[in-house]
């Protein structure tokens, strides 16, 4: 019984010594003498600028353009994602996803070439609502819940709404 205890203690001592040697070697390899900071070679420092932030002031126009371009690209490249972004009223107009795909196929040229002609901003129930009109008089209403978290209402009936008059 006593010999088992001695063996276990000896094994633990050996493990501690081996860990200490390994830690000493690692410290000597990665950390400069007399300095507790990791050493980074100058060529790495010059190549990669770290701990720097570039601050960009995002304007409302930039945000609106981002929503518009993001949704247009999703309609062309991944219609399922675009369909998931539609609000419930717009989804009811399409009945199902297949109808939405048919809508995209029928309006593909307009979707690709659409650019924002007019926009207005409204605050609705604590959310910002961006209402956009393209050159074909198609209306897109983006309701932003947070930055880049939005849903969309579409109106491609080519009727100019009174908001823009």
Protein backbone atom coordinates (compact mmCIF):
# COMPACT_ATOMS: atom_id res chain seq x y z
CA UNK A 1 0.00 0.00 0.00
CA UNK A 2 2.79 2.32 1.02
CA UNK A 3 4.80 1.48 -2.12
CA UNK A 4 1.84 2.48 -4.33
CA UNK A 5 1.66 5.86 -2.60
CA UNK A 6 5.41 6.38 -3.08
CA UNK A 7 5.09 5.47 -6.77
CA UNK A 8 2.22 7.94 -7.26
CA UNK A 9 4.17 10.73 -5.53
CA UNK A 10 7.26 9.96 -7.64
CA UNK A 11 5.19 10.09 -10.83
CA UNK A 12 3.66 13.42 -9.81
CA UNK A 13 7.10 14.88 -9.04
CA UNK A 14 8.42 13.74 -12.42
CA UNK A 15 5.41 15.27 -14.21
CA UNK A 16 5.89 18.59 -12.39
CA UNK A 17 9.61 18.64 -13.30
CA UNK A 18 8.90 17.83 -16.96
CA UNK A 19 6.20 20.56 -17.13
CA UNK A 20 8.61 23.07 -15.57
CA UNK A 21 11.32 22.25 -18.11
CA UNK A 22 8.85 22.53 -21.00
CA UNK A 23 7.54 25.87 -19.69
CA UNK A 24 11.11 27.17 -19.31
CA UNK A 25 11.94 26.18 -22.88
CA UNK A 26 8.77 27.73 -24.26
CA UNK A 27 9.36 30.95 -22.32
CA UNK A 28 12.93 31.16 -23.60
CA UNK A 29 11.79 30.59 -27.18
CA UNK A 30 8.87 33.05 -27.35
CA UNK A 31 9.63 35.68 -24.76
CA UNK A 32 12.58 38.05 -24.95
CA UNK A 33 15.01 38.21 -22.02
CA UNK A 34 14.02 40.69 -19.34
CA UNK A 35 10.67 41.35 -20.98
CA UNK A 36 7.38 39.65 -20.24
CA UNK A 37 5.84 40.50 -23.62
CA UNK A 38 5.76 38.15 -26.57
CA UNK A 39 8.32 39.13 -29.17
CA UNK A 40 6.93 39.89 -32.61
CA UNK A 41 9.44 40.15 -35.43
CA UNK A 42 9.64 43.59 -37.08
CA UNK A 43 8.65 42.26 -40.50
CA UNK A 44 5.41 40.95 -39.02
CA UNK A 45 4.77 44.28 -37.31
CA UNK A 46 5.33 46.11 -40.61
CA UNK A 47 3.16 43.71 -42.62
CA UNK A 48 0.20 43.55 -40.25
CA UNK A 49 -1.10 46.61 -38.51
CA UNK A 50 -2.76 45.33 -35.41
CA UNK A 51 -4.80 47.00 -32.71
CA UNK A 52 -5.91 49.70 -35.11
CA UNK A 53 -9.47 50.55 -36.01
CA UNK A 54 -10.66 52.48 -38.98
CA UNK A 55 -13.71 54.49 -38.03
CA UNK A 56 -16.27 55.03 -40.76
CA UNK A 57 -19.24 57.30 -40.30
CA UNK A 58 -22.13 55.56 -41.99
CA UNK A 59 -24.60 58.01 -43.48
CA UNK A 60 -28.28 57.29 -43.89
CA UNK A 61 -27.82 57.22 -47.65
CA UNK A 62 -25.08 54.60 -47.33
CA UNK A 63 -27.29 52.45 -45.09
CA UNK A 64 -30.27 52.73 -47.45
CA UNK A 65 -28.07 51.84 -50.42
CA UNK A 66 -26.72 48.86 -48.50
CA UNK A 67 -30.22 47.52 -47.76
CA UNK A 68 -31.26 48.00 -51.37
CA UNK A 69 -28.19 46.37 -52.93
CA UNK A 70 -28.24 43.53 -50.39
CA UNK A 71 -31.87 42.69 -51.07
CA UNK A 72 -31.50 42.97 -54.86
CA UNK A 73 -28.50 40.64 -54.86
CA UNK A 74 -30.36 38.14 -52.68
CA UNK A 75 -33.33 38.18 -55.07
CA UNK A 76 -31.02 37.31 -57.98
CA UNK A 77 -28.51 34.96 -56.34
CA UNK A 78 -30.41 33.39 -53.43
CA UNK A 79 -34.17 33.93 -53.72
CA UNK A 80 -34.87 31.82 -50.62
CA UNK A 81 -32.98 34.31 -48.43
CA UNK A 82 -34.81 37.19 -50.11
CA UNK A 83 -38.15 35.45 -49.55
CA UNK A 84 -37.32 35.00 -45.87
CA UNK A 85 -36.73 38.76 -45.60
CA UNK A 86 -40.22 39.62 -46.88
CA UNK A 87 -42.72 40.84 -44.32
CA UNK A 88 -45.84 38.76 -43.73
CA UNK A 89 -48.15 40.95 -45.85
CA UNK A 90 -45.88 40.68 -48.89
CA UNK A 91 -45.51 36.92 -48.41
CA UNK A 92 -49.31 36.63 -48.46
CA UNK A 93 -49.34 38.34 -51.89
CA UNK A 94 -47.07 35.63 -53.26
CA UNK A 95 -48.92 32.72 -51.63
CA UNK A 96 -45.73 30.60 -51.58
CA UNK A 97 -42.05 30.56 -52.44
CA UNK A 98 -42.64 29.28 -55.99
CA UNK A 99 -44.76 32.34 -56.80
CA UNK A 100 -41.95 34.55 -55.51
CA UNK A 101 -39.47 32.77 -57.81
CA UNK A 102 -41.81 33.34 -60.75
CA UNK A 103 -42.07 37.02 -59.77
CA UNK A 104 -38.27 37.30 -59.77
CA UNK A 105 -38.01 35.59 -63.17
CA UNK A 106 -40.62 37.95 -64.63
CA UNK A 107 -38.87 41.05 -63.23
CA UNK A 108 -35.21 39.97 -63.41
CA UNK A 109 -34.12 42.80 -65.74
CA UNK A 110 -35.81 45.45 -63.60
CA UNK A 111 -34.32 44.02 -60.43
CA UNK A 112 -30.79 43.97 -61.89
CA UNK A 113 -30.91 47.51 -63.26
CA UNK A 114 -32.93 49.16 -60.51
CA UNK A 115 -31.42 52.21 -58.83
CA UNK A 116 -32.85 54.37 -56.09
CA UNK A 117 -34.59 57.47 -57.39
CA UNK A 118 -36.25 58.70 -54.19
CA UNK A 119 -36.43 57.68 -50.59
CA UNK A 120 -38.02 58.78 -47.36
CA UNK A 121 -37.54 57.74 -43.77
CA UNK A 122 -40.28 57.16 -41.21
CA UNK A 123 -40.19 56.01 -37.61
CA UNK A 124 -42.77 53.29 -37.06
CA UNK A 125 -43.25 51.59 -33.68
CA UNK A 126 -39.67 52.28 -32.65
CA UNK A 127 -38.20 50.97 -35.92
CA UNK A 128 -36.84 52.99 -38.80
CA UNK A 129 -38.70 52.47 -42.04
CA UNK A 130 -36.93 53.33 -45.28
CA UNK A 131 -39.27 53.68 -48.24
CA UNK A 132 -37.48 53.63 -51.60
CA UNK A 133 -38.70 54.20 -55.12
CA UNK A 134 -36.68 52.99 -58.10
CA UNK A 135 -36.74 54.33 -61.67
CA UNK A 136 -39.52 51.86 -62.57
CA UNK A 137 -41.74 53.23 -59.75
CA UNK A 138 -41.32 50.00 -57.79
CA UNK A 139 -41.51 50.61 -54.08
CA UNK A 140 -39.34 48.83 -51.51
CA UNK A 141 -40.07 49.39 -47.82
CA UNK A 142 -37.28 48.29 -45.50
CA UNK A 143 -38.17 48.11 -41.81
CA UNK A 144 -34.94 48.06 -39.83
CA UNK A 145 -35.01 46.30 -36.49
CA UNK A 146 -31.25 46.83 -36.05
CA UNK A 147 -28.43 47.70 -38.40
CA UNK A 148 -28.56 45.23 -41.29
CA UNK A 149 -31.44 43.35 -39.66
CA UNK A 150 -34.51 44.18 -41.68
CA UNK A 151 -37.60 42.96 -43.45
CA UNK A 152 -38.99 44.13 -46.77
CA UNK A 153 -42.34 44.99 -48.25
CA UNK A 154 -42.50 45.08 -52.05
CA UNK A 155 -44.90 47.01 -54.25
CA UNK A 156 -44.24 46.48 -57.95
CA UNK A 157 -47.65 47.75 -59.09
CA UNK A 158 -46.03 50.85 -60.62
CA UNK A 159 -48.25 53.26 -58.74
CA UNK A 160 -46.56 56.37 -57.40
CA UNK A 161 -47.47 56.73 -53.77
CA UNK A 162 -48.36 60.03 -52.17
CA UNK A 163 -45.33 59.93 -49.89
CA UNK A 164 -43.10 61.00 -52.79
CA UNK A 165 -45.37 63.66 -54.30
